[in-house]
Amino acid sequence: MERKVFQLGDVVLMKKNHPCGSNEMEIIRMGMDIRIKCVGCKHSVLVPRAKFEKNMRKVLRSANNMSALDSEGGPSNIEE
């Protein structure tokens, strides 16, 4: 089985929904445990790495892609 690749700042899709109804989570801390923040209600949860890797489906938005858009003046850079 292929190891899932994720990093700090990624937004990932989880198998189970958070009680607020959203299943998108942002990774805000990594180590033996992973702290994820719900994109819907901003609640954070500390999950053991093994359980996180088991329950993660895929990476929706990578932190690398988002920072590349910022430096190029992409959608997240608002200029008037």
Protein backbone atom coordinates (compact mmCIF):
# COMPACT_ATOMS: atom_id res chain seq x y z
CA MET A 1 0.00 0.00 0.00
CA GLU A 2 1.29 3.45 -0.94
CA ARG A 3 2.13 5.83 1.91
CA LYS A 4 0.01 8.99 1.88
CA VAL A 5 1.97 12.22 1.44
CA PHE A 6 0.81 15.33 3.28
CA GLN A 7 2.43 18.34 4.88
CA LEU A 8 1.75 21.27 7.18
CA GLY A 9 -0.92 23.62 5.79
CA ASP A 10 -2.56 21.08 3.45
CA VAL A 11 -6.36 20.81 3.32
CA VAL A 12 -7.34 17.13 3.32
CA LEU A 13 -10.56 15.18 2.79
CA MET A 14 -11.41 12.81 5.66
CA LYS A 15 -13.52 9.63 5.51
CA LYS A 16 -15.89 10.74 8.27
CA ASN A 17 -17.62 14.10 8.57
CA HIS A 18 -17.02 16.42 11.50
CA PRO A 19 -20.22 16.97 13.56
CA CYS A 20 -20.68 20.35 11.81
CA GLY A 21 -21.07 18.48 8.49
CA SER A 22 -17.74 19.32 6.84
CA ASN A 23 -15.18 16.63 6.02
CA GLU A 24 -12.40 19.04 4.94
CA MET A 25 -9.63 19.56 7.49
CA GLU A 26 -6.50 21.74 7.48
CA ILE A 27 -3.29 20.31 8.98
CA ILE A 28 -2.00 22.83 11.54
CA ARG A 29 0.53 20.72 13.52
CA MET A 30 2.56 17.61 12.69
CA GLY A 31 4.53 15.18 14.85
CA MET A 32 3.61 11.85 16.44
CA ASP A 33 0.13 13.36 16.63
CA ILE A 34 -1.50 15.53 13.96
CA ARG A 35 -3.61 18.57 14.86
CA ILE A 36 -6.26 19.27 12.26
CA LYS A 37 -8.69 22.20 12.05
CA CYS A 38 -12.16 21.85 10.56
CA VAL A 39 -12.58 24.14 7.55
CA GLY A 40 -16.30 24.52 8.30
CA CYS A 41 -16.37 25.52 11.98
CA LYS A 42 -12.65 26.11 12.78
CA HIS A 43 -12.65 23.56 15.65
CA SER A 44 -9.28 21.80 16.10
CA VAL A 45 -8.73 18.14 16.98
CA LEU A 46 -5.55 16.26 17.97
CA VAL A 47 -5.39 12.82 16.28
CA PRO A 48 -2.69 10.13 16.50
CA ARG A 49 -0.73 9.92 13.22
CA ALA A 50 -1.73 6.28 12.55
CA LYS A 51 -5.44 7.08 12.92
CA PHE A 52 -5.09 10.22 10.78
CA GLU A 53 -3.37 8.28 7.95
CA LYS A 54 -6.09 5.61 8.13
CA ASN A 55 -8.96 8.14 7.98
CA MET A 56 -7.52 10.55 5.40
CA ARG A 57 -8.79 10.09 1.85
CA LYS A 58 -6.77 12.61 -0.18
CA VAL A 59 -5.13 16.03 -0.22
CA LEU A 60 -7.54 18.61 -1.68
CA ARG A 61 -5.29 21.69 -1.58
CA SER A 62 -1.57 21.55 -0.97
CA ALA A 63 0.24 24.28 0.99
CA ASN A 64 2.86 24.44 -1.80
CA ASN A 65 0.25 25.28 -4.45
CA MET A 66 -1.34 27.94 -2.26
CA SER A 67 2.00 29.67 -1.54
CA ALA A 68 2.86 29.58 -5.26
CA LEU A 69 -0.39 31.40 -6.05
CA ASP A 70 0.39 34.02 -3.38
CA SER A 71 3.80 34.81 -4.85
CA GLU A 72 2.40 35.06 -8.40
CA GLY A 73 -0.40 37.42 -7.41
CA GLY A 74 -3.04 34.72 -7.79
CA PRO A 75 -6.55 34.57 -6.37
CA SER A 76 -5.49 34.97 -2.72
CA ASN A 77 -3.61 38.23 -3.38
CA ILE A 78 -6.15 41.07 -3.48
CA GLU A 79 -4.89 44.28 -5.07
CA GLU A 80 -6.95 47.36 -5.81
